[in-house]
Amino acid sequence: MGTKQQMLKAIEELPEDAGVEDALDRLYLLYKVEKGLGQADRGELISQEEVRQRMAKWVK
């Protein structure tokens, strides 16, 4: 499925009372997932330990 079709499907699946912000949130989520999958495909990964260290900074 192409990008345009994915975007249209995501918008069509929103509830009838969804607003523009809801649509933008959904499209941004799709963008971030697609970006992350591309990074993983290119081997741009971090270790679980690195994730823990980064998250520990957020919790402070």
N, C-alpha and C. Protein backbone atom coordinates (compact mmCIF):
# COMPACT_ATOMS: atom_id res chain seq x y z
N MET A 1 0.86 -1.16 0.00
CA MET A 1 0.00 0.00 0.00
C MET A 1 0.91 1.23 0.00
N GLY A 2 0.61 2.18 -0.84
CA GLY A 2 1.39 3.40 -0.93
C GLY A 2 1.13 4.34 0.23
N THR A 3 1.98 5.33 0.35
CA THR A 3 1.88 6.28 1.46
C THR A 3 0.56 7.02 1.44
N LYS A 4 0.16 7.48 0.27
CA LYS A 4 -1.10 8.23 0.18
C LYS A 4 -2.28 7.36 0.61
N GLN A 5 -2.28 6.11 0.18
CA GLN A 5 -3.36 5.20 0.55
C GLN A 5 -3.35 4.93 2.05
N GLN A 6 -2.16 4.82 2.66
CA GLN A 6 -2.07 4.61 4.11
C GLN A 6 -2.64 5.82 4.85
N MET A 7 -2.32 7.01 4.36
CA MET A 7 -2.82 8.22 5.00
C MET A 7 -4.33 8.31 4.90
N LEU A 8 -4.87 8.04 3.72
CA LEU A 8 -6.32 8.09 3.54
C LEU A 8 -7.03 7.05 4.40
N LYS A 9 -6.45 5.85 4.49
CA LYS A 9 -7.04 4.79 5.31
C LYS A 9 -7.05 5.20 6.78
N ALA A 10 -5.95 5.78 7.25
CA ALA A 10 -5.86 6.21 8.64
C ALA A 10 -6.92 7.26 8.95
N ILE A 11 -7.13 8.18 8.05
CA ILE A 11 -8.13 9.23 8.26
C ILE A 11 -9.54 8.65 8.19
N GLU A 12 -9.78 7.76 7.25
CA GLU A 12 -11.11 7.15 7.12
C GLU A 12 -11.47 6.33 8.35
N GLU A 13 -10.48 5.76 9.05
CA GLU A 13 -10.74 4.93 10.22
C GLU A 13 -10.99 5.74 11.49
N LEU A 14 -10.81 7.05 11.42
CA LEU A 14 -11.08 7.89 12.60
C LEU A 14 -12.58 7.91 12.88
N PRO A 15 -12.95 8.10 14.13
CA PRO A 15 -14.37 8.21 14.46
C PRO A 15 -14.99 9.43 13.78
N GLU A 16 -16.28 9.41 13.60
CA GLU A 16 -16.99 10.50 12.94
C GLU A 16 -16.80 11.84 13.65
N ASP A 17 -16.62 11.80 14.96
CA ASP A 17 -16.49 13.05 15.71
C ASP A 17 -15.04 13.51 15.85
N ALA A 18 -14.14 12.89 15.12
CA ALA A 18 -12.72 13.26 15.18
C ALA A 18 -12.50 14.63 14.56
N GLY A 19 -11.55 15.34 15.12
CA GLY A 19 -11.22 16.66 14.60
C GLY A 19 -9.90 16.63 13.83
N VAL A 20 -9.52 17.80 13.37
CA VAL A 20 -8.27 17.93 12.60
C VAL A 20 -7.08 17.49 13.46
N GLU A 21 -7.09 17.86 14.72
CA GLU A 21 -5.98 17.49 15.60
C GLU A 21 -5.86 15.97 15.72
N ASP A 22 -6.98 15.27 15.79
CA ASP A 22 -6.97 13.81 15.84
C ASP A 22 -6.33 13.24 14.58
N ALA A 23 -6.69 13.80 13.43
CA ALA A 23 -6.13 13.33 12.16
C ALA A 23 -4.64 13.58 12.11
N LEU A 24 -4.22 14.76 12.54
CA LEU A 24 -2.79 15.09 12.54
C LEU A 24 -2.02 14.16 13.48
N ASP A 25 -2.59 13.88 14.65
CA ASP A 25 -1.95 12.96 15.59
C ASP A 25 -1.76 11.58 14.96
N ARG A 26 -2.80 11.09 14.30
CA ARG A 26 -2.73 9.77 13.67
C ARG A 26 -1.68 9.74 12.56
N LEU A 27 -1.66 10.78 11.73
CA LEU A 27 -0.69 10.84 10.64
C LEU A 27 0.74 10.97 11.17
N TYR A 28 0.91 11.73 12.25
CA TYR A 28 2.24 11.87 12.83
C TYR A 28 2.72 10.55 13.41
N LEU A 29 1.83 9.81 14.04
CA LEU A 29 2.19 8.49 14.56
C LEU A 29 2.63 7.58 13.42
N LEU A 30 1.88 7.56 12.34
CA LEU A 30 2.27 6.74 11.18
C LEU A 30 3.63 7.15 10.64
N TYR A 31 3.89 8.45 10.58
CA TYR A 31 5.18 8.95 10.12
C TYR A 31 6.31 8.45 11.01
N LYS A 32 6.13 8.56 12.33
CA LYS A 32 7.18 8.15 13.26
C LYS A 32 7.43 6.64 13.19
N VAL A 33 6.38 5.86 13.05
CA VAL A 33 6.54 4.41 12.93
C VAL A 33 7.30 4.07 11.65
N GLU A 34 6.91 4.70 10.54
CA GLU A 34 7.58 4.45 9.27
C GLU A 34 9.06 4.86 9.34
N LYS A 35 9.32 5.99 9.98
CA LYS A 35 10.70 6.46 10.14
C LYS A 35 11.50 5.47 10.98
N GLY A 36 10.93 4.99 12.07
CA GLY A 36 11.60 4.03 12.94
C GLY A 36 11.88 2.71 12.25
N LEU A 37 10.94 2.25 11.45
CA LEU A 37 11.16 1.01 10.71
C LEU A 37 12.28 1.17 9.69
N GLY A 38 12.36 2.33 9.07
CA GLY A 38 13.44 2.60 8.13
C GLY A 38 14.79 2.60 8.83
N GLN A 39 14.84 3.21 10.01
CA GLN A 39 16.07 3.22 10.78
C GLN A 39 16.49 1.80 11.17
N ALA A 40 15.53 0.99 11.57
CA ALA A 40 15.83 -0.40 11.93
C ALA A 40 16.35 -1.17 10.72
N ASP A 41 15.73 -0.95 9.57
CA ASP A 41 16.19 -1.62 8.35
C ASP A 41 17.62 -1.25 8.00
N ARG A 42 18.02 -0.03 8.32
CA ARG A 42 19.38 0.43 8.03
C ARG A 42 20.36 0.06 9.14
N GLY A 43 19.86 -0.61 10.18
CA GLY A 43 20.72 -1.02 11.28
C GLY A 43 21.00 0.08 12.29
N GLU A 44 20.24 1.15 12.23
CA GLU A 44 20.42 2.26 13.15
C GLU A 44 19.65 1.99 14.44
N LEU A 45 20.19 1.07 15.22
CA LEU A 45 19.53 0.62 16.44
C LEU A 45 20.37 0.98 17.65
N ILE A 46 19.74 1.00 18.82
CA ILE A 46 20.47 1.17 20.06
C ILE A 46 20.17 -0.03 20.95
N SER A 47 21.08 -0.29 21.86
CA SER A 47 20.93 -1.45 22.74
C SER A 47 19.86 -1.19 23.80
N GLN A 48 19.42 -2.27 24.42
CA GLN A 48 18.43 -2.16 25.49
C GLN A 48 19.02 -1.37 26.65
N GLU A 49 20.30 -1.55 26.90
CA GLU A 49 20.97 -0.81 27.98
C GLU A 49 20.96 0.69 27.69
N GLU A 50 21.21 1.07 26.45
CA GLU A 50 21.17 2.48 26.07
C GLU A 50 19.77 3.05 26.27
N VAL A 51 18.77 2.28 25.95
CA VAL A 51 17.38 2.72 26.16
C VAL A 51 17.13 2.95 27.65
N ARG A 52 17.59 2.04 28.47
CA ARG A 52 17.41 2.19 29.93
C ARG A 52 18.09 3.46 30.44
N GLN A 53 19.30 3.71 29.95
CA GLN A 53 20.02 4.90 30.38
C GLN A 53 19.30 6.18 29.96
N ARG A 54 18.79 6.19 28.74
CA ARG A 54 18.07 7.37 28.26
C ARG A 54 16.79 7.59 29.06
N MET A 55 16.07 6.50 29.31
CA MET A 55 14.81 6.62 30.05
C MET A 55 15.04 7.02 31.48
N ALA A 56 16.15 6.59 32.07
CA ALA A 56 16.46 6.95 33.46
C ALA A 56 16.59 8.47 33.59
N LYS A 57 17.09 9.13 32.54
CA LYS A 57 17.21 10.58 32.56
C LYS A 57 15.84 11.25 32.55
N TRP A 58 14.86 10.63 31.89
CA TRP A 58 13.51 11.20 31.80
C TRP A 58 12.79 11.13 33.14
N VAL A 59 13.09 10.08 33.91
CA VAL A 59 12.35 9.82 35.14
C VAL A 59 12.78 10.79 36.25
N LYS A 60 13.96 11.33 36.15
CA LYS A 60 14.49 12.21 37.21
C LYS A 60 13.63 13.41 37.44
